[in-house]
Amino acid sequence: MEPASDDEGDTAAAAAPRFLLFVSFLLVCYQPSGRPRRADVPAPPLLAAVRREAPKPPPVRPRKVKKKVYLTFDDGPNRGTRNVLRIVADEGVPASFFLVGEHVFDSRGQRALFDSLGALPNVALCNHSYSHARQRYSAYYAEPDSVVADFRRTHDSLGLATPIARTPGRNIWRIDSLRATDLKASAPAADSLQRAGFALMGWDAEWHFDHKTYNVRQDAETMIRLIDSVFAGGRTKCPGHLVLLAHDQAYAASADSLQLRRFLQALKKKDDYELALATEYPGALRDTLLAKR
């Protein structure tokens, strides 16, 4: 037997690496039939969630701005105040009372009514002079210094916490830059009151009453329509804010006080309106302290 040649040994040695390379290639390319290739493996749930666009938040609805109605009562305390006080408390509505200082001290009963008004949390007590001009309005407003003294007397004797006031027998406004005077002859007295630190609030609508019988002239439904009309016509001194003038004495009779209750109940059902205190009127408390004497 002839020994193997050197050429055959060299050929086998050269073939071995090629064979190993071929086997390695097969191992790399081989994948079990039940296992998907790497490129086909789905992304983990967390990564998939990141890749998806985050949902947009729902749109924010703008808060509905309601028109404000300021329920104000003049001339108390008097024989109608007790009914008004009870109805306001029963209906849970805010109300502002413009008080005549002299009326508070007319009797123990009226002083007790004043104390009852002050005990309610949703009530604002405001100034309607001390003498109510003795019903002689032209002569009263002809003396501005006397007018200021009359209002200061009520402010001090009743210990009122607010400078908001209303002139007797006149629809006058002096709240911050808001100025209006129904009878121009009263303007100097009104200016003097403002310089003394009072914020004068007039009215945009009035619930009228008969000055002989003291009965209201409009029923509840008529008053609701009036408020709708004043707002719709833009006839308020401050847009979106309506001051309603009423008088305590007009609700002394049960039939009239019933109209007040029905009015408040109807007003509360109207989604466009909300009742507010005189102290919430724009600018009414910008200067919270009366001028130094």
Protein backbone atom coordinates (compact mmCIF):
# COMPACT_ATOMS: atom_id res chain seq x y z
CA MET A 1 0.00 0.00 0.00
CA GLU A 2 1.28 3.35 -1.06
CA PRO A 3 1.42 6.05 1.54
CA ALA A 4 -0.89 9.02 1.11
CA SER A 5 0.61 11.83 -0.80
CA ASP A 6 1.21 15.26 0.66
CA ASP A 7 -1.28 16.72 -1.87
CA GLU A 8 -4.20 14.69 -0.47
CA GLY A 9 -3.39 15.79 3.10
CA ASP A 10 -3.31 19.37 2.01
CA THR A 11 -6.70 19.03 0.28
CA ALA A 12 -8.40 17.55 3.40
CA ALA A 13 -6.91 20.20 5.62
CA ALA A 14 -8.20 22.95 3.34
CA ALA A 15 -11.70 21.44 3.13
CA ALA A 16 -12.22 21.26 6.91
CA PRO A 17 -12.57 25.01 7.52
CA ARG A 18 -14.94 25.35 4.61
CA PHE A 19 -17.11 22.57 6.03
CA LEU A 20 -17.22 24.21 9.47
CA LEU A 21 -18.14 27.56 7.90
CA PHE A 22 -20.99 25.90 6.00
CA VAL A 23 -22.35 24.23 9.17
CA SER A 24 -22.19 27.55 11.06
CA PHE A 25 -24.13 29.23 8.26
CA LEU A 26 -26.85 26.58 8.49
CA LEU A 27 -27.12 27.00 12.26
CA VAL A 28 -27.49 30.77 11.96
CA CYS A 29 -30.15 30.58 9.29
CA TYR A 30 -32.12 27.78 10.88
CA GLN A 31 -35.28 28.81 12.88
CA PRO A 32 -37.76 26.32 14.43
CA SER A 33 -40.98 26.24 12.46
CA GLY A 34 -43.17 27.33 15.45
CA ARG A 35 -41.06 30.36 16.35
CA PRO A 36 -41.47 33.61 14.38
CA ARG A 37 -38.48 35.43 13.08
CA ARG A 38 -37.14 38.31 15.12
CA ALA A 39 -38.49 40.87 12.69
CA ASP A 40 -42.00 39.45 13.10
CA VAL A 41 -42.11 39.63 16.91
CA PRO A 42 -44.69 42.28 17.94
CA ALA A 43 -43.55 45.18 20.16
CA PRO A 44 -44.25 44.86 23.87
CA PRO A 45 -47.53 46.48 24.94
CA LEU A 46 -45.77 49.40 26.67
CA LEU A 47 -43.78 50.31 23.56
CA ALA A 48 -46.89 50.02 21.41
CA ALA A 49 -48.74 52.42 23.70
CA VAL A 50 -45.88 54.91 23.46
CA ARG A 51 -45.90 54.71 19.67
CA ARG A 52 -49.62 55.45 19.50
CA GLU A 53 -50.61 59.13 19.76
CA ALA A 54 -51.91 60.08 23.21
CA PRO A 55 -55.68 60.79 23.24
CA LYS A 56 -56.61 64.47 23.29
CA PRO A 57 -58.35 65.76 26.44
CA PRO A 58 -62.04 66.66 26.05
CA PRO A 59 -62.67 70.34 25.26
CA VAL A 60 -63.23 72.56 28.30
CA ARG A 61 -66.64 74.18 28.23
CA PRO A 62 -66.54 77.89 29.08
CA ARG A 63 -68.25 78.74 32.37
CA LYS A 64 -71.63 80.34 31.74
CA VAL A 65 -71.68 83.95 32.86
CA LYS A 66 -75.03 84.77 34.45
CA LYS A 67 -76.63 88.18 34.60
CA LYS A 68 -76.87 89.53 38.13
CA VAL A 69 -80.00 90.96 39.71
CA TYR A 70 -79.63 93.08 42.86
CA LEU A 71 -82.80 92.99 44.95
CA THR A 72 -82.94 96.18 47.02
CA PHE A 73 -85.60 97.41 49.48
CA ASP A 74 -85.96 101.05 50.55
CA ASP A 75 -87.44 102.89 53.55
CA GLY A 76 -87.24 100.20 56.21
CA PRO A 77 -87.67 99.22 58.85
CA ASN A 78 -91.43 99.69 58.63
CA ARG A 79 -94.66 97.71 58.71
CA GLY A 80 -93.77 95.65 55.63
CA THR A 81 -90.23 94.73 56.64
CA ARG A 82 -91.20 91.67 58.66
CA ASN A 83 -92.93 90.03 55.67
CA VAL A 84 -90.00 90.84 53.39
CA LEU A 85 -87.56 89.48 55.94
CA ARG A 86 -89.49 86.20 56.26
CA ILE A 87 -89.82 85.68 52.49
CA VAL A 88 -86.16 86.44 51.80
CA ALA A 89 -85.14 83.96 54.51
CA ASP A 90 -87.58 81.28 53.29
CA GLU A 91 -86.41 81.56 49.69
CA GLY A 92 -82.74 81.73 50.64
CA VAL A 93 -81.96 84.71 48.42
CA PRO A 94 -79.61 87.66 48.99
CA ALA A 95 -81.24 91.05 49.55
CA SER A 96 -80.02 94.55 50.34
CA PHE A 97 -81.95 96.90 52.63
CA PHE A 98 -81.49 100.67 52.34
CA LEU A 99 -82.45 101.87 55.80
CA VAL A 100 -83.77 105.20 57.05
CA GLY A 101 -81.97 105.88 60.32
CA GLU A 102 -84.92 107.63 61.93
CA HIS A 103 -87.16 104.63 61.30
CA VAL A 104 -84.88 102.35 63.30
CA PHE A 105 -85.38 104.47 66.42
CA ASP A 106 -89.11 105.14 65.97
CA SER A 107 -90.10 102.17 68.15
CA ARG A 108 -88.73 99.14 69.94
CA GLY A 109 -90.39 96.92 67.37
CA GLN A 110 -88.61 98.60 64.49
CA ARG A 111 -85.31 98.47 66.36
CA ALA A 112 -85.91 94.74 66.80
CA LEU A 113 -86.53 94.43 63.05
CA PHE A 114 -83.22 96.17 62.40
CA ASP A 115 -81.48 93.70 64.68
CA SER A 116 -83.17 90.79 62.88
CA LEU A 117 -81.98 92.10 59.51
CA GLY A 118 -78.43 92.34 60.77
CA ALA A 119 -78.50 88.74 62.00
CA LEU A 120 -79.14 87.28 58.54
CA PRO A 121 -76.00 86.14 56.67
CA ASN A 122 -77.33 86.92 53.19
CA VAL A 123 -78.38 90.51 53.83
CA ALA A 124 -76.55 93.79 53.20
CA LEU A 125 -77.52 96.85 55.27
CA CYS A 126 -77.09 100.12 53.38
CA ASN A 127 -77.75 103.83 53.97
CA HIS A 128 -80.90 105.69 52.85
CA SER A 129 -80.25 108.86 54.90
CA TYR A 130 -81.46 109.61 58.42
CA SER A 131 -84.43 111.88 57.71
CA HIS A 132 -85.49 110.82 54.20
CA ALA A 133 -85.34 114.56 53.44
CA ARG A 134 -88.60 115.03 55.38
CA GLN A 135 -90.15 114.49 51.92
CA ARG A 136 -88.94 117.98 50.89
CA TYR A 137 -86.41 116.92 48.33
CA SER A 138 -85.62 120.17 46.50
CA ALA A 139 -84.84 122.02 49.72
CA TYR A 140 -82.91 119.04 51.06
CA TYR A 141 -80.53 118.75 48.11
CA ALA A 142 -79.98 122.51 47.97
CA GLU A 143 -77.77 122.13 51.08
CA PRO A 144 -75.00 119.63 50.22
CA ASP A 145 -73.26 119.87 53.61
CA SER A 146 -76.50 119.08 55.43
CA VAL A 147 -77.07 116.10 53.14
CA VAL A 148 -73.64 114.69 53.97
CA ALA A 149 -74.28 115.18 57.71
CA ASP A 150 -77.64 113.40 57.39
CA PHE A 151 -76.07 110.35 55.77
CA ARG A 152 -73.19 110.28 58.22
CA ARG A 153 -75.65 110.28 61.09
CA THR A 154 -77.24 107.07 59.81
CA HIS A 155 -73.87 105.50 59.08
CA ASP A 156 -72.64 106.19 62.60
CA SER A 157 -75.82 105.59 64.61
CA LEU A 158 -76.50 102.23 62.93
CA GLY A 159 -72.86 101.17 62.76
CA LEU A 160 -73.14 100.29 59.08
CA ALA A 161 -70.27 98.27 57.64
CA THR A 162 -70.61 99.47 54.04
CA PRO A 163 -70.46 102.94 52.42
CA ILE A 164 -73.18 102.01 49.89
CA ALA A 165 -76.05 104.51 50.03
CA ARG A 166 -79.13 105.61 48.10
CA THR A 167 -80.46 109.15 47.93
CA PRO A 168 -84.11 109.61 48.97
CA GLY A 169 -86.43 110.72 46.18
CA ARG A 170 -83.66 110.68 43.55
CA ASN A 171 -82.19 108.10 41.18
CA ILE A 172 -78.53 109.06 41.49
CA TRP A 173 -75.42 107.00 40.73
CA ARG A 174 -71.94 107.72 42.03
CA ILE A 175 -70.04 104.41 42.04
CA ASP A 176 -66.39 104.78 41.10
CA SER A 177 -66.48 106.31 37.59
CA LEU A 178 -70.20 105.58 37.11
CA ARG A 179 -72.10 108.87 37.35
CA ALA A 180 -75.76 109.61 36.65
CA THR A 181 -78.15 112.20 38.09
CA ASP A 182 -81.87 112.30 37.32
CA LEU A 183 -82.40 115.91 38.44
CA LYS A 184 -79.32 118.04 37.83
CA ALA A 185 -80.03 120.36 40.75
CA SER A 186 -79.15 117.44 43.04
CA ALA A 187 -75.71 116.92 41.47
CA PRO A 188 -73.69 119.09 43.92
CA ALA A 189 -75.08 117.18 46.91
CA ALA A 190 -74.38 113.86 45.18
CA ASP A 191 -70.80 114.90 44.43
CA SER A 192 -70.34 115.91 48.07
CA LEU A 193 -71.57 112.51 49.23
CA GLN A 194 -69.11 110.76 46.94
CA ARG A 195 -66.23 112.92 48.14
CA ALA A 196 -67.24 112.03 51.71
CA GLY A 197 -66.74 108.35 50.84
CA PHE A 198 -70.27 107.17 50.01
CA ALA A 199 -70.99 105.00 46.97
CA LEU A 200 -74.41 106.05 45.64
CA MET A 201 -76.48 103.28 44.05
CA GLY A 202 -79.55 104.16 42.00
CA TRP A 203 -81.74 101.59 40.20
CA ASP A 204 -82.38 100.17 36.72
CA ALA A 205 -85.94 98.92 37.29
CA GLU A 206 -88.61 99.61 39.90
CA TRP A 207 -91.43 97.58 41.38
CA HIS A 208 -93.98 100.38 41.73
CA PHE A 209 -96.61 100.64 44.44
CA ASP A 210 -99.63 102.85 45.07
CA HIS A 211 -98.62 105.54 47.58
CA LYS A 212 -102.18 105.73 48.94
CA THR A 213 -103.03 102.04 49.34
CA TYR A 214 -99.44 100.76 49.56
CA ASN A 215 -100.33 97.90 47.20
CA VAL A 216 -97.95 96.82 44.44
CA ARG A 217 -98.96 97.84 40.93
CA GLN A 218 -97.34 94.91 39.08
CA ASP A 219 -97.69 91.21 39.68
CA ALA A 220 -94.80 88.75 39.74
CA GLU A 221 -95.11 87.74 36.08
CA THR A 222 -95.06 91.37 34.94
CA MET A 223 -91.90 92.01 36.95
CA ILE A 224 -90.14 89.01 35.42
CA ARG A 225 -91.00 90.29 31.94
CA LEU A 226 -89.74 93.74 32.93
CA ILE A 227 -86.37 92.37 33.98
CA ASP A 228 -86.11 90.36 30.76
CA SER A 229 -86.90 93.49 28.77
CA VAL A 230 -84.41 95.73 30.57
CA PHE A 231 -81.60 93.24 30.04
CA ALA A 232 -82.56 92.58 26.41
CA GLY A 233 -82.66 96.31 25.68
CA GLY A 234 -79.30 96.97 27.34
CA ARG A 235 -80.90 99.50 29.67
CA THR A 236 -78.79 98.83 32.77
CA LYS A 237 -76.12 101.23 34.00
CA CYS A 238 -73.58 98.39 34.05
CA PRO A 239 -73.93 95.65 31.39
CA GLY A 240 -75.06 92.35 32.90
CA HIS A 241 -76.02 93.94 36.24
CA LEU A 242 -79.56 95.08 37.11
CA VAL A 243 -80.51 96.88 40.32
CA LEU A 244 -84.18 96.40 41.21
CA LEU A 245 -85.82 98.94 43.53
CA ALA A 246 -88.63 97.82 45.82
CA HIS A 247 -90.05 99.21 49.07
CA ASP A 248 -90.68 97.33 52.32
CA GLN A 249 -94.06 98.98 52.92
CA ALA A 250 -95.49 97.60 49.66
CA TYR A 251 -95.49 94.04 51.06
CA ALA A 252 -97.37 94.58 54.31
CA ALA A 253 -100.53 92.96 52.88
CA SER A 254 -100.56 89.19 52.39
CA ALA A 255 -101.61 89.44 48.73
CA ASP A 256 -98.67 91.69 47.93
CA SER A 257 -96.17 89.62 49.89
CA LEU A 258 -97.41 86.58 47.94
CA GLN A 259 -96.44 88.35 44.71
CA LEU A 260 -92.96 88.94 46.12
CA ARG A 261 -92.60 85.25 46.96
CA ARG A 262 -93.80 84.18 43.50
CA PHE A 263 -91.42 86.65 41.88
CA LEU A 264 -88.42 85.28 43.77
CA GLN A 265 -89.38 81.68 43.02
CA ALA A 266 -89.74 82.46 39.30
CA LEU A 267 -86.46 84.37 39.21
CA LYS A 268 -84.57 81.49 40.82
CA LYS A 269 -85.79 79.15 38.07
CA LYS A 270 -84.32 81.29 35.30
CA ASP A 271 -80.92 79.87 34.43
CA ASP A 272 -79.65 83.15 32.97
CA TYR A 273 -79.93 85.11 36.23
CA GLU A 274 -78.54 85.04 39.73
CA LEU A 275 -79.35 87.25 42.70
CA ALA A 276 -76.55 89.18 44.40
CA LEU A 277 -75.93 91.65 47.22
CA ALA A 278 -75.34 95.35 46.63
CA THR A 279 -71.83 94.87 47.98
CA GLU A 280 -71.08 92.68 44.93
CA TYR A 281 -71.92 95.41 42.42
CA PRO A 282 -68.84 96.31 40.33
CA GLY A 283 -66.84 99.08 42.00
CA ALA A 284 -69.21 99.52 44.94
CA LEU A 285 -66.53 98.71 47.50
CA ARG A 286 -63.50 100.05 45.70
CA ASP A 287 -63.09 102.64 48.44
CA THR A 288 -64.14 100.76 51.54
CA LEU A 289 -63.53 103.48 54.11
CA LEU A 290 -65.46 106.71 54.51
CA ALA A 291 -63.38 109.84 54.12
CA LYS A 292 -61.75 111.15 57.27
CA ARG A 293 -63.59 113.99 58.89
